[in-house]
């Protein structure tokens, strides 16, 4: 059974930075894509960033390009989301997710992510 445990959320002022971590167990992320989603109040869930199992390909939503960086450490079986220049509109619950398609390099369809963490709150004050 896959378990994902996020940490690193909190309250930060606009312009500040946070780093989210997602520790995985039960499945090695060296063989599966990882992603970060977020859900803001009264908004749809949004795919924020994703990284291929190879670690060499990434995806970012337009709203976070140039500010957020997704990465992973295979040795620690942990994924990260570095968030810089945070804005009030980044306020949301952030979830990490792992794909169920082993060694798949065909993109980041949200439907392929079937393992989820419990979420961590990020609040950016303006």
C-alpha atoms as a PDB file:
ATOM      1  CA  UNK A   1       0.000   0.000   0.000  1.00  0.00           C
ATOM      2  CA  UNK A   2       1.357   3.385  -1.020  1.00  0.00           C
ATOM      3  CA  UNK A   3       1.531   6.085   1.627  1.00  0.00           C
ATOM      4  CA  UNK A   4       2.484   9.685   0.976  1.00  0.00           C
ATOM      5  CA  UNK A   5       3.194  12.092   3.805  1.00  0.00           C
ATOM      6  CA  UNK A   6       3.448  15.808   3.066  1.00  0.00           C
ATOM      7  CA  UNK A   7       5.118  18.369   5.269  1.00  0.00           C
ATOM      8  CA  UNK A   8       6.375  21.916   5.033  1.00  0.00           C
ATOM      9  CA  UNK A   9       3.193  23.926   4.691  1.00  0.00           C
ATOM     10  CA  UNK A  10       2.460  26.963   6.793  1.00  0.00           C
ATOM     11  CA  UNK A  11       1.821  30.682   6.860  1.00  0.00           C
ATOM     12  CA  UNK A  12       4.130  32.957   4.899  1.00  0.00           C
ATOM     13  CA  UNK A  13       4.047  36.548   3.734  1.00  0.00           C
ATOM     14  CA  UNK A  14       3.683  37.387   0.080  1.00  0.00           C
ATOM     15  CA  UNK A  15       7.050  37.219  -1.622  1.00  0.00           C
ATOM     16  CA  UNK A  16       8.278  34.558   0.752  1.00  0.00           C
ATOM     17  CA  UNK A  17       9.238  30.936   0.182  1.00  0.00           C
ATOM     18  CA  UNK A  18       8.266  27.496   1.396  1.00  0.00           C
ATOM     19  CA  UNK A  19       9.476  24.010   0.566  1.00  0.00           C
ATOM     20  CA  UNK A  20       7.017  21.153   0.652  1.00  0.00           C
ATOM     21  CA  UNK A  21       8.184  17.580   1.086  1.00  0.00           C
ATOM     22  CA  UNK A  22       6.414  14.347   0.236  1.00  0.00           C
ATOM     23  CA  UNK A  23       7.848  11.176   1.745  1.00  0.00           C
ATOM     24  CA  UNK A  24       6.681   8.024  -0.015  1.00  0.00           C
ATOM     25  CA  UNK A  25       6.484   4.455   1.222  1.00  0.00           C
ATOM     26  CA  UNK A  26       5.175   1.293  -0.349  1.00  0.00           C
ATOM     27  CA  UNK A  27       6.246   2.243  -3.886  1.00  0.00           C
ATOM     28  CA  UNK A  28       9.534   3.598  -5.158  1.00  0.00           C
ATOM     29  CA  UNK A  29       9.200   6.956  -6.835  1.00  0.00           C
ATOM     30  CA  UNK A  30      12.233   6.215  -8.972  1.00  0.00           C
ATOM     31  CA  UNK A  31       9.844   4.290 -11.248  1.00  0.00           C
ATOM     32  CA  UNK A  32       6.754   6.538 -11.120  1.00  0.00           C
ATOM     33  CA  UNK A  33       5.885  10.116 -11.900  1.00  0.00           C
ATOM     34  CA  UNK A  34       5.108  12.418  -8.990  1.00  0.00           C
ATOM     35  CA  UNK A  35       2.959  15.504  -8.921  1.00  0.00           C
ATOM     36  CA  UNK A  36       1.749  18.292  -6.705  1.00  0.00           C
ATOM     37  CA  UNK A  37      -1.848  19.430  -6.873  1.00  0.00           C
ATOM     38  CA  UNK A  38      -3.604  22.150  -4.958  1.00  0.00           C
ATOM     39  CA  UNK A  39      -7.147  23.057  -4.084  1.00  0.00           C
ATOM     40  CA  UNK A  40      -8.104  26.551  -3.065  1.00  0.00           C
ATOM     41  CA  UNK A  41     -11.445  27.299  -1.406  1.00  0.00           C
ATOM     42  CA  UNK A  42     -14.323  27.138  -3.890  1.00  0.00           C
ATOM     43  CA  UNK A  43     -11.971  26.244  -6.737  1.00  0.00           C
ATOM     44  CA  UNK A  44     -11.294  23.101  -8.705  1.00  0.00           C
ATOM     45  CA  UNK A  45      -8.269  20.963  -7.945  1.00  0.00           C
ATOM     46  CA  UNK A  46      -5.324  22.146 -10.013  1.00  0.00           C
ATOM     47  CA  UNK A  47      -2.233  20.299 -11.193  1.00  0.00           C
ATOM     48  CA  UNK A  48       0.603  22.561 -10.111  1.00  0.00           C
ATOM     49  CA  UNK A  49       3.748  20.635 -11.048  1.00  0.00           C
ATOM     50  CA  UNK A  50       4.833  17.148 -12.030  1.00  0.00           C
ATOM     51  CA  UNK A  51       8.056  15.279 -12.576  1.00  0.00           C
ATOM     52  CA  UNK A  52       8.647  12.207 -14.679  1.00  0.00           C
ATOM     53  CA  UNK A  53       9.973   8.989 -13.184  1.00  0.00           C
ATOM     54  CA  UNK A  54      13.271   9.746 -14.943  1.00  0.00           C
ATOM     55  CA  UNK A  55      13.535  13.054 -13.145  1.00  0.00           C
ATOM     56  CA  UNK A  56      14.524  14.710 -16.411  1.00  0.00           C
ATOM     57  CA  UNK A  57      11.127  16.019 -17.475  1.00  0.00           C
ATOM     58  CA  UNK A  58       8.874  18.369 -15.572  1.00  0.00           C
ATOM     59  CA  UNK A  59       5.572  20.174 -15.994  1.00  0.00           C
ATOM     60  CA  UNK A  60       4.392  23.413 -14.416  1.00  0.00           C
ATOM     61  CA  UNK A  61       1.093  25.198 -14.508  1.00  0.00           C
ATOM     62  CA  UNK A  62       1.383  28.606 -16.120  1.00  0.00           C
ATOM     63  CA  UNK A  63       0.438  30.230 -12.840  1.00  0.00           C
ATOM     64  CA  UNK A  64       3.580  28.932 -11.090  1.00  0.00           C
ATOM     65  CA  UNK A  65       6.162  28.802 -13.882  1.00  0.00           C
ATOM     66  CA  UNK A  66       9.383  30.486 -12.891  1.00  0.00           C
ATOM     67  CA  UNK A  67       8.421  30.480  -9.208  1.00  0.00           C
ATOM     68  CA  UNK A  68       7.972  26.821  -8.251  1.00  0.00           C
ATOM     69  CA  UNK A  69      10.409  23.942  -8.726  1.00  0.00           C
ATOM     70  CA  UNK A  70       9.578  20.267  -8.399  1.00  0.00           C
ATOM     71  CA  UNK A  71      12.310  17.776  -7.642  1.00  0.00           C
ATOM     72  CA  UNK A  72      12.834  14.362  -6.120  1.00  0.00           C
ATOM     73  CA  UNK A  73      15.456  12.430  -4.240  1.00  0.00           C
ATOM     74  CA  UNK A  74      15.242   8.763  -5.181  1.00  0.00           C
ATOM     75  CA  UNK A  75      17.543   7.721  -2.355  1.00  0.00           C
ATOM     76  CA  UNK A  76      15.160   9.278   0.167  1.00  0.00           C
ATOM     77  CA  UNK A  77      12.033   8.316  -1.798  1.00  0.00           C
ATOM     78  CA  UNK A  78      10.910  11.896  -1.343  1.00  0.00           C
ATOM     79  CA  UNK A  79       9.589  14.557  -3.684  1.00  0.00           C
ATOM     80  CA  UNK A  80       9.779  18.273  -3.096  1.00  0.00           C
ATOM     81  CA  UNK A  81       8.102  21.462  -4.208  1.00  0.00           C
ATOM     82  CA  UNK A  82      10.141  24.609  -3.739  1.00  0.00           C
ATOM     83  CA  UNK A  83       7.839  27.610  -3.840  1.00  0.00           C
ATOM     84  CA  UNK A  84       9.343  31.081  -4.209  1.00  0.00           C
ATOM     85  CA  UNK A  85       7.829  34.529  -4.687  1.00  0.00           C
ATOM     86  CA  UNK A  86       4.604  33.309  -3.170  1.00  0.00           C
ATOM     87  CA  UNK A  87       1.410  35.203  -3.873  1.00  0.00           C
ATOM     88  CA  UNK A  88      -1.887  35.324  -2.028  1.00  0.00           C
ATOM     89  CA  UNK A  89      -3.451  33.359  -4.869  1.00  0.00           C
ATOM     90  CA  UNK A  90      -1.141  30.447  -4.034  1.00  0.00           C
ATOM     91  CA  UNK A  91      -3.092  29.918  -0.826  1.00  0.00           C
ATOM     92  CA  UNK A  92      -4.499  26.387  -0.943  1.00  0.00           C
ATOM     93  CA  UNK A  93      -4.196  22.882   0.399  1.00  0.00           C
ATOM     94  CA  UNK A  94      -1.356  21.190  -1.445  1.00  0.00           C
ATOM     95  CA  UNK A  95      -1.384  17.476  -2.145  1.00  0.00           C
ATOM     96  CA  UNK A  96       1.344  15.254  -3.485  1.00  0.00           C
ATOM     97  CA  UNK A  97       0.375  12.338  -5.656  1.00  0.00           C
ATOM     98  CA  UNK A  98       2.074   9.370  -7.277  1.00  0.00           C
ATOM     99  CA  UNK A  99       1.246   7.909 -10.655  1.00  0.00           C
ATOM    100  CA  UNK A 100       0.086   4.335 -10.998  1.00  0.00           C
ATOM    101  CA  UNK A 101       1.830   3.890 -14.369  1.00  0.00           C
ATOM    102  CA  UNK A 102       5.261   2.369 -13.887  1.00  0.00           C
ATOM    103  CA  UNK A 103       8.045   3.710 -16.149  1.00  0.00           C
ATOM    104  CA  UNK A 104       5.464   5.760 -18.072  1.00  0.00           C
ATOM    105  CA  UNK A 105       6.616   8.830 -19.950  1.00  0.00           C
ATOM    106  CA  UNK A 106       3.431   9.780 -21.735  1.00  0.00           C
ATOM    107  CA  UNK A 107       2.525  12.904 -19.802  1.00  0.00           C
ATOM    108  CA  UNK A 108       0.777  13.792 -16.568  1.00  0.00           C
ATOM    109  CA  UNK A 109      -2.887  12.959 -16.928  1.00  0.00           C
ATOM    110  CA  UNK A 110      -4.347  13.574 -13.448  1.00  0.00           C
ATOM    111  CA  UNK A 111      -6.365  10.389 -13.851  1.00  0.00           C
ATOM    112  CA  UNK A 112      -3.109   8.400 -13.627  1.00  0.00           C
ATOM    113  CA  UNK A 113      -2.365   9.641 -10.113  1.00  0.00           C
ATOM    114  CA  UNK A 114      -4.075   7.260  -7.738  1.00  0.00           C
ATOM    115  CA  UNK A 115      -2.081   7.651  -4.520  1.00  0.00           C
ATOM    116  CA  UNK A 116      -2.504  10.842  -2.511  1.00  0.00           C
ATOM    117  CA  UNK A 117      -1.143  12.428   0.599  1.00  0.00           C
ATOM    118  CA  UNK A 118      -3.324  13.986   3.267  1.00  0.00           C
ATOM    119  CA  UNK A 119      -2.564  17.520   2.146  1.00  0.00           C
ATOM    120  CA  UNK A 120      -0.735  20.416   3.729  1.00  0.00           C
ATOM    121  CA  UNK A 121      -2.102  23.940   4.075  1.00  0.00           C
ATOM    122  CA  UNK A 122      -0.212  26.829   2.524  1.00  0.00           C
ATOM    123  CA  UNK A 123      -1.433  30.288   3.440  1.00  0.00           C
ATOM    124  CA  UNK A 124       0.117  33.387   1.894  1.00  0.00           C
ATOM    125  CA  UNK A 125      -0.721  36.658   3.558  1.00  0.00           C
ATOM    126  CA  UNK A 126      -0.673  39.843   1.517  1.00  0.00           C
END
